[in-house]
PDB file of all heavy atoms in Angstrom:
ATOM      1  N   VAL A   1      42.405 -14.246  23.245  1.00  0.00           N
ATOM      2  CA  VAL A   1      41.351 -13.504  23.939  1.00  0.00           C
ATOM      3  C   VAL A   1      41.263 -12.073  23.413  1.00  0.00           C
ATOM      4  O   VAL A   1      40.177 -11.574  23.122  1.00  0.00           O
ATOM      5  CB  VAL A   1      41.602 -13.518  25.465  1.00  0.00           C
ATOM      6  CG1 VAL A   1      40.727 -12.496  26.172  1.00  0.00           C
ATOM      7  CG2 VAL A   1      41.342 -14.902  26.025  1.00  0.00           C
ATOM      8  N   CYS A   2      42.397 -11.418  23.269  1.00  0.00           N
ATOM      9  CA  CYS A   2      42.387 -10.004  22.858  1.00  0.00           C
ATOM     10  C   CYS A   2      41.987  -9.815  21.404  1.00  0.00           C
ATOM     11  O   CYS A   2      41.362  -8.808  21.063  1.00  0.00           O
ATOM     12  CB  CYS A   2      43.752  -9.374  23.109  1.00  0.00           C
ATOM     13  SG  CYS A   2      44.099  -9.145  24.853  1.00  0.00           S
ATOM     14  N   LEU A   3      42.363 -10.738  20.537  1.00  0.00           N
ATOM     15  CA  LEU A   3      42.079 -10.552  19.116  1.00  0.00           C
ATOM     16  C   LEU A   3      40.783 -11.183  18.639  1.00  0.00           C
ATOM     17  O   LEU A   3      40.296 -10.841  17.562  1.00  0.00           O
ATOM     18  CB  LEU A   3      43.240 -11.082  18.271  1.00  0.00           C
ATOM     19  CG  LEU A   3      44.531 -10.271  18.339  1.00  0.00           C
ATOM     20  CD1 LEU A   3      45.599 -10.912  17.470  1.00  0.00           C
ATOM     21  CD2 LEU A   3      44.301  -8.833  17.928  1.00  0.00           C
ATOM     22  N   THR A   4      40.218 -12.093  19.413  1.00  0.00           N
ATOM     23  CA  THR A   4      38.978 -12.730  18.963  1.00  0.00           C
ATOM     24  C   THR A   4      37.846 -12.561  19.972  1.00  0.00           C
ATOM     25  O   THR A   4      36.834 -11.945  19.662  1.00  0.00           O
ATOM     26  CB  THR A   4      39.188 -14.229  18.679  1.00  0.00           C
ATOM     27  OG1 THR A   4      39.653 -14.878  19.859  1.00  0.00           O
ATOM     28  CG2 THR A   4      40.167 -14.446  17.546  1.00  0.00           C
ATOM     29  N   VAL A   5      38.016 -13.077  21.156  1.00  0.00           N
ATOM     30  CA  VAL A   5      36.933 -13.116  22.137  1.00  0.00           C
ATOM     31  C   VAL A   5      36.546 -11.723  22.627  1.00  0.00           C
ATOM     32  O   VAL A   5      35.366 -11.378  22.675  1.00  0.00           O
ATOM     33  CB  VAL A   5      37.320 -14.011  23.341  1.00  0.00           C
ATOM     34  CG1 VAL A   5      36.228 -14.020  24.379  1.00  0.00           C
ATOM     35  CG2 VAL A   5      37.637 -15.414  22.870  1.00  0.00           C
ATOM     36  N   LYS A   6      37.533 -10.898  22.978  1.00  0.00           N
ATOM     37  CA  LYS A   6      37.257  -9.573  23.548  1.00  0.00           C
ATOM     38  C   LYS A   6      37.870  -8.472  22.695  1.00  0.00           C
ATOM     39  O   LYS A   6      38.435  -7.517  23.205  1.00  0.00           O
ATOM     40  CB  LYS A   6      37.807  -9.492  24.971  1.00  0.00           C
ATOM     41  CG  LYS A   6      37.134 -10.451  25.930  1.00  0.00           C
ATOM     42  CD  LYS A   6      37.678 -10.300  27.323  1.00  0.00           C
ATOM     43  CE  LYS A   6      36.976 -11.226  28.287  1.00  0.00           C
ATOM     44  NZ  LYS A   6      37.524 -11.082  29.628  1.00  0.00           N
ATOM     45  N   TYR A   7      37.754  -8.568  21.397  1.00  0.00           N
ATOM     46  CA  TYR A   7      38.376  -7.613  20.466  1.00  0.00           C
ATOM     47  C   TYR A   7      37.991  -6.173  20.778  1.00  0.00           C
ATOM     48  O   TYR A   7      38.833  -5.304  20.852  1.00  0.00           O
ATOM     49  CB  TYR A   7      37.985  -7.957  19.030  1.00  0.00           C
ATOM     50  CG  TYR A   7      38.637  -7.077  17.993  1.00  0.00           C
ATOM     51  CD1 TYR A   7      39.906  -7.388  17.530  1.00  0.00           C
ATOM     52  CD2 TYR A   7      38.004  -5.954  17.491  1.00  0.00           C
ATOM     53  CE1 TYR A   7      40.536  -6.591  16.580  1.00  0.00           C
ATOM     54  CE2 TYR A   7      38.605  -5.149  16.539  1.00  0.00           C
ATOM     55  CZ  TYR A   7      39.878  -5.476  16.085  1.00  0.00           C
ATOM     56  OH  TYR A   7      40.497  -4.685  15.153  1.00  0.00           O
ATOM     57  N   ALA A   8      36.719  -5.911  20.977  1.00  0.00           N
ATOM     58  CA  ALA A   8      36.236  -4.547  21.244  1.00  0.00           C
ATOM     59  C   ALA A   8      35.397  -4.503  22.509  1.00  0.00           C
ATOM     60  O   ALA A   8      34.437  -3.746  22.602  1.00  0.00           O
ATOM     61  CB  ALA A   8      35.446  -4.036  20.062  1.00  0.00           C
ATOM     62  N   THR A   9      35.771  -5.301  23.505  1.00  0.00           N
ATOM     63  CA  THR A   9      35.049  -5.332  24.774  1.00  0.00           C
ATOM     64  C   THR A   9      35.733  -4.383  25.747  1.00  0.00           C
ATOM     65  O   THR A   9      36.860  -4.625  26.165  1.00  0.00           O
ATOM     66  CB  THR A   9      35.034  -6.763  25.352  1.00  0.00           C
ATOM     67  OG1 THR A   9      34.463  -7.636  24.391  1.00  0.00           O
ATOM     68  CG2 THR A   9      34.244  -6.820  26.633  1.00  0.00           C
ATOM     69  N   PHE A  10      35.039  -3.303  26.080  1.00  0.00           N
ATOM     70  CA  PHE A  10      35.613  -2.289  26.964  1.00  0.00           C
ATOM     71  C   PHE A  10      35.122  -2.438  28.397  1.00  0.00           C
ATOM     72  O   PHE A  10      35.553  -1.699  29.268  1.00  0.00           O
ATOM     73  CB  PHE A  10      35.290  -0.886  26.444  1.00  0.00           C
ATOM     74  CG  PHE A  10      35.914  -0.620  25.109  1.00  0.00           C
ATOM     75  CD1 PHE A  10      35.209  -0.828  23.948  1.00  0.00           C
ATOM     76  CD2 PHE A  10      37.226  -0.185  25.020  1.00  0.00           C
ATOM     77  CE1 PHE A  10      35.782  -0.595  22.709  1.00  0.00           C
ATOM     78  CE2 PHE A  10      37.813   0.047  23.791  1.00  0.00           C
ATOM     79  CZ  PHE A  10      37.090  -0.158  22.636  1.00  0.00           C
ATOM     80  N   SER A  11      34.237  -3.382  28.650  1.00  0.00           N
ATOM     81  CA  SER A  11      33.760  -3.617  30.002  1.00  0.00           C
ATOM     82  C   SER A  11      34.419  -4.878  30.538  1.00  0.00           C
ATOM     83  O   SER A  11      34.915  -5.703  29.789  1.00  0.00           O
ATOM     84  CB  SER A  11      32.236  -3.756  30.007  1.00  0.00           C
ATOM     85  OG  SER A  11      31.868  -4.863  29.212  1.00  0.00           O
ATOM     86  N   GLY A  12      34.402  -5.009  31.844  1.00  0.00           N
ATOM     87  CA  GLY A  12      35.009  -6.170  32.460  1.00  0.00           C
ATOM     88  C   GLY A  12      36.426  -5.881  32.916  1.00  0.00           C
ATOM     89  O   GLY A  12      36.840  -4.730  33.020  1.00  0.00           O
ATOM     90  N   ARG A  13      37.153  -6.944  33.169  1.00  0.00           N
ATOM     91  CA  ARG A  13      38.491  -6.824  33.735  1.00  0.00           C
ATOM     92  C   ARG A  13      39.476  -7.693  32.972  1.00  0.00           C
ATOM     93  O   ARG A  13      39.103  -8.706  32.400  1.00  0.00           O
ATOM     94  CB  ARG A  13      38.448  -7.255  35.211  1.00  0.00           C
ATOM     95  CG  ARG A  13      37.585  -6.335  36.043  1.00  0.00           C
ATOM     96  CD  ARG A  13      37.299  -6.870  37.422  1.00  0.00           C
ATOM     97  NE  ARG A  13      38.503  -6.988  38.228  1.00  0.00           N
ATOM     98  CZ  ARG A  13      38.496  -7.226  39.533  1.00  0.00           C
ATOM     99  NH1 ARG A  13      37.357  -7.349  40.174  1.00  0.00           N
ATOM    100  NH2 ARG A  13      39.617  -7.339  40.189  1.00  0.00           N
ATOM    101  N   ALA A  14      40.739  -7.279  32.967  1.00  0.00           N
ATOM    102  CA  ALA A  14      41.807  -8.048  32.319  1.00  0.00           C
ATOM    103  C   ALA A  14      42.975  -8.176  33.291  1.00  0.00           C
ATOM    104  O   ALA A  14      43.400  -7.188  33.885  1.00  0.00           O
ATOM    105  CB  ALA A  14      42.279  -7.355  31.043  1.00  0.00           C
ATOM    106  N   ARG A  15      43.485  -9.372  33.435  1.00  0.00           N
ATOM    107  CA  ARG A  15      44.630  -9.593  34.318  1.00  0.00           C
ATOM    108  C   ARG A  15      45.892  -8.986  33.741  1.00  0.00           C
ATOM    109  O   ARG A  15      45.971  -8.667  32.564  1.00  0.00           O
ATOM    110  CB  ARG A  15      44.831 -11.094  34.523  1.00  0.00           C
ATOM    111  CG  ARG A  15      43.690 -11.712  35.314  1.00  0.00           C
ATOM    112  CD  ARG A  15      43.951 -13.128  35.640  1.00  0.00           C
ATOM    113  NE  ARG A  15      45.156 -13.213  36.470  1.00  0.00           N
ATOM    114  CZ  ARG A  15      45.667 -14.359  36.894  1.00  0.00           C
ATOM    115  NH1 ARG A  15      45.101 -15.482  36.569  1.00  0.00           N
ATOM    116  NH2 ARG A  15      46.743 -14.375  37.643  1.00  0.00           N
ATOM    117  N   ARG A  16      46.893  -8.865  34.594  1.00  0.00           N
ATOM    118  CA  ARG A  16      48.178  -8.319  34.157  1.00  0.00           C
ATOM    119  C   ARG A  16      48.769  -9.122  33.016  1.00  0.00           C
ATOM    120  O   ARG A  16      49.287  -8.559  32.055  1.00  0.00           O
ATOM    121  CB  ARG A  16      49.182  -8.321  35.316  1.00  0.00           C
ATOM    122  CG  ARG A  16      49.211  -7.073  36.109  1.00  0.00           C
ATOM    123  CD  ARG A  16      50.348  -7.081  37.070  1.00  0.00           C
ATOM    124  NE  ARG A  16      50.140  -8.101  38.090  1.00  0.00           N
ATOM    125  CZ  ARG A  16      50.720  -8.106  39.266  1.00  0.00           C
ATOM    126  NH1 ARG A  16      51.569  -7.171  39.584  1.00  0.00           N
ATOM    127  NH2 ARG A  16      50.479  -9.044  40.149  1.00  0.00           N
ATOM    128  N   ALA A  17      48.704 -10.431  33.125  1.00  0.00           N
ATOM    129  CA  ALA A  17      49.296 -11.283  32.086  1.00  0.00           C
ATOM    130  C   ALA A  17      48.666 -11.018  30.727  1.00  0.00           C
ATOM    131  O   ALA A  17      49.370 -10.923  29.709  1.00  0.00           O
ATOM    132  CB  ALA A  17      49.138 -12.756  32.460  1.00  0.00           C
ATOM    133  N   GLU A  18      47.368 -10.871  30.685  1.00  0.00           N
ATOM    134  CA  GLU A  18      46.680 -10.610  29.416  1.00  0.00           C
ATOM    135  C   GLU A  18      47.162  -9.295  28.807  1.00  0.00           C
ATOM    136  O   GLU A  18      47.481  -9.221  27.616  1.00  0.00           O
ATOM    137  CB  GLU A  18      45.170 -10.557  29.654  1.00  0.00           C
ATOM    138  CG  GLU A  18      44.343 -10.333  28.416  1.00  0.00           C
ATOM    139  CD  GLU A  18      42.859 -10.296  28.712  1.00  0.00           C
ATOM    140  OE1 GLU A  18      42.430 -10.727  29.802  1.00  0.00           O
ATOM    141  OE2 GLU A  18      42.112  -9.830  27.832  1.00  0.00           O
ATOM    142  N   TYR A  19      47.245  -8.257  29.619  1.00  0.00           N
ATOM    143  CA  TYR A  19      47.682  -6.954  29.121  1.00  0.00           C
ATOM    144  C   TYR A  19      49.138  -6.988  28.645  1.00  0.00           C
ATOM    145  O   TYR A  19      49.462  -6.536  27.550  1.00  0.00           O
ATOM    146  CB  TYR A  19      47.522  -5.879  30.201  1.00  0.00           C
ATOM    147  CG  TYR A  19      48.133  -4.570  29.791  1.00  0.00           C
ATOM    148  CD1 TYR A  19      47.475  -3.736  28.897  1.00  0.00           C
ATOM    149  CD2 TYR A  19      49.386  -4.182  30.245  1.00  0.00           C
ATOM    150  CE1 TYR A  19      48.041  -2.543  28.486  1.00  0.00           C
ATOM    151  CE2 TYR A  19      49.964  -2.998  29.846  1.00  0.00           C
ATOM    152  CZ  TYR A  19      49.282  -2.182  28.963  1.00  0.00           C
ATOM    153  OH  TYR A  19      49.855  -1.011  28.552  1.00  0.00           O
ATOM    154  N   TRP A  20      50.028  -7.527  29.473  1.00  0.00           N
ATOM    155  CA  TRP A  20      51.454  -7.485  29.131  1.00  0.00           C
ATOM    156  C   TRP A  20      51.801  -8.409  27.975  1.00  0.00           C
ATOM    157  O   TRP A  20      52.668  -8.088  27.161  1.00  0.00           O
ATOM    158  CB  TRP A  20      52.308  -7.777  30.360  1.00  0.00           C
ATOM    159  CG  TRP A  20      52.279  -6.623  31.312  1.00  0.00           C
ATOM    160  CD1 TRP A  20      51.685  -6.587  32.535  1.00  0.00           C
ATOM    161  CD2 TRP A  20      52.834  -5.310  31.099  1.00  0.00           C
ATOM    162  NE1 TRP A  20      51.840  -5.347  33.093  1.00  0.00           N
ATOM    163  CE2 TRP A  20      52.538  -4.538  32.238  1.00  0.00           C
ATOM    164  CE3 TRP A  20      53.539  -4.717  30.059  1.00  0.00           C
ATOM    165  CZ2 TRP A  20      52.938  -3.212  32.368  1.00  0.00           C
ATOM    166  CZ3 TRP A  20      53.942  -3.395  30.196  1.00  0.00           C
ATOM    167  CH2 TRP A  20      53.634  -2.662  31.334  1.00  0.00           C
ATOM    168  N   TRP A  21      51.159  -9.578  27.864  1.00  0.00           N
ATOM    169  CA  TRP A  21      51.421 -10.451  26.716  1.00  0.00           C
ATOM    170  C   TRP A  21      50.951  -9.781  25.419  1.00  0.00           C
ATOM    171  O   TRP A  21      51.623  -9.838  24.395  1.00  0.00           O
ATOM    172  CB  TRP A  21      50.737 -11.808  26.867  1.00  0.00           C
ATOM    173  CG  TRP A  21      51.432 -12.778  27.775  1.00  0.00           C
ATOM    174  CD1 TRP A  21      50.893 -13.421  28.846  1.00  0.00           C
ATOM    175  CD2 TRP A  21      52.789 -13.248  27.687  1.00  0.00           C
ATOM    176  NE1 TRP A  21      51.824 -14.235  29.428  1.00  0.00           N
ATOM    177  CE2 TRP A  21      52.993 -14.160  28.731  1.00  0.00           C
ATOM    178  CE3 TRP A  21      53.846 -12.971  26.823  1.00  0.00           C
ATOM    179  CZ2 TRP A  21      54.207 -14.798  28.943  1.00  0.00           C
ATOM    180  CZ3 TRP A  21      55.058 -13.612  27.029  1.00  0.00           C
ATOM    181  CH2 TRP A  21      55.225 -14.511  28.085  1.00  0.00           C
ATOM    182  N   PHE A  22      49.787  -9.149  25.471  1.00  0.00           N
ATOM    183  CA  PHE A  22      49.299  -8.485  24.268  1.00  0.00           C
ATOM    184  C   PHE A  22      50.180  -7.281  23.924  1.00  0.00           C
ATOM    185  O   PHE A  22      50.443  -7.012  22.756  1.00  0.00           O
ATOM    186  CB  PHE A  22      47.834  -8.059  24.414  1.00  0.00           C
ATOM    187  CG  PHE A  22      47.233  -7.623  23.117  1.00  0.00           C
ATOM    188  CD1 PHE A  22      46.938  -8.553  22.134  1.00  0.00           C
ATOM    189  CD2 PHE A  22      47.002  -6.296  22.848  1.00  0.00           C
ATOM    190  CE1 PHE A  22      46.407  -8.169  20.917  1.00  0.00           C
ATOM    191  CE2 PHE A  22      46.475  -5.888  21.640  1.00  0.00           C
ATOM    192  CZ  PHE A  22      46.181  -6.829  20.670  1.00  0.00           C
ATOM    193  N   SER A  23      50.640  -6.573  24.937  1.00  0.00           N
ATOM    194  CA  SER A  23      51.552  -5.446  24.689  1.00  0.00           C
ATOM    195  C   SER A  23      52.864  -5.928  24.061  1.00  0.00           C
ATOM    196  O   SER A  23      53.415  -5.267  23.179  1.00  0.00           O
ATOM    197  CB  SER A  23      51.864  -4.700  25.986  1.00  0.00           C
ATOM    198  OG  SER A  23      50.698  -4.101  26.479  1.00  0.00           O
ATOM    199  N   LEU A  24      53.353  -7.076  24.515  1.00  0.00           N
ATOM    200  CA  LEU A  24      54.571  -7.651  23.929  1.00  0.00           C
ATOM    201  C   LEU A  24      54.352  -7.973  22.456  1.00  0.00           C
ATOM    202  O   LEU A  24      55.197  -7.660  21.614  1.00  0.00           O
ATOM    203  CB  LEU A  24      54.989  -8.907  24.692  1.00  0.00           C
ATOM    204  CG  LEU A  24      56.200  -9.650  24.138  1.00  0.00           C
ATOM    205  CD1 LEU A  24      57.455  -8.790  24.251  1.00  0.00           C
ATOM    206  CD2 LEU A  24      56.383 -10.974  24.862  1.00  0.00           C
TER     207      LEU A  24
END
C-alpha cells in the first residue's frame, strides 16, 4: 500500500499497523 497504491497520497487515513510496518 505504501510503496504502490498510496505512494504520494497525503489525504485520507492510515491505520497504526500500516504506519508501524512501513516504519519497520
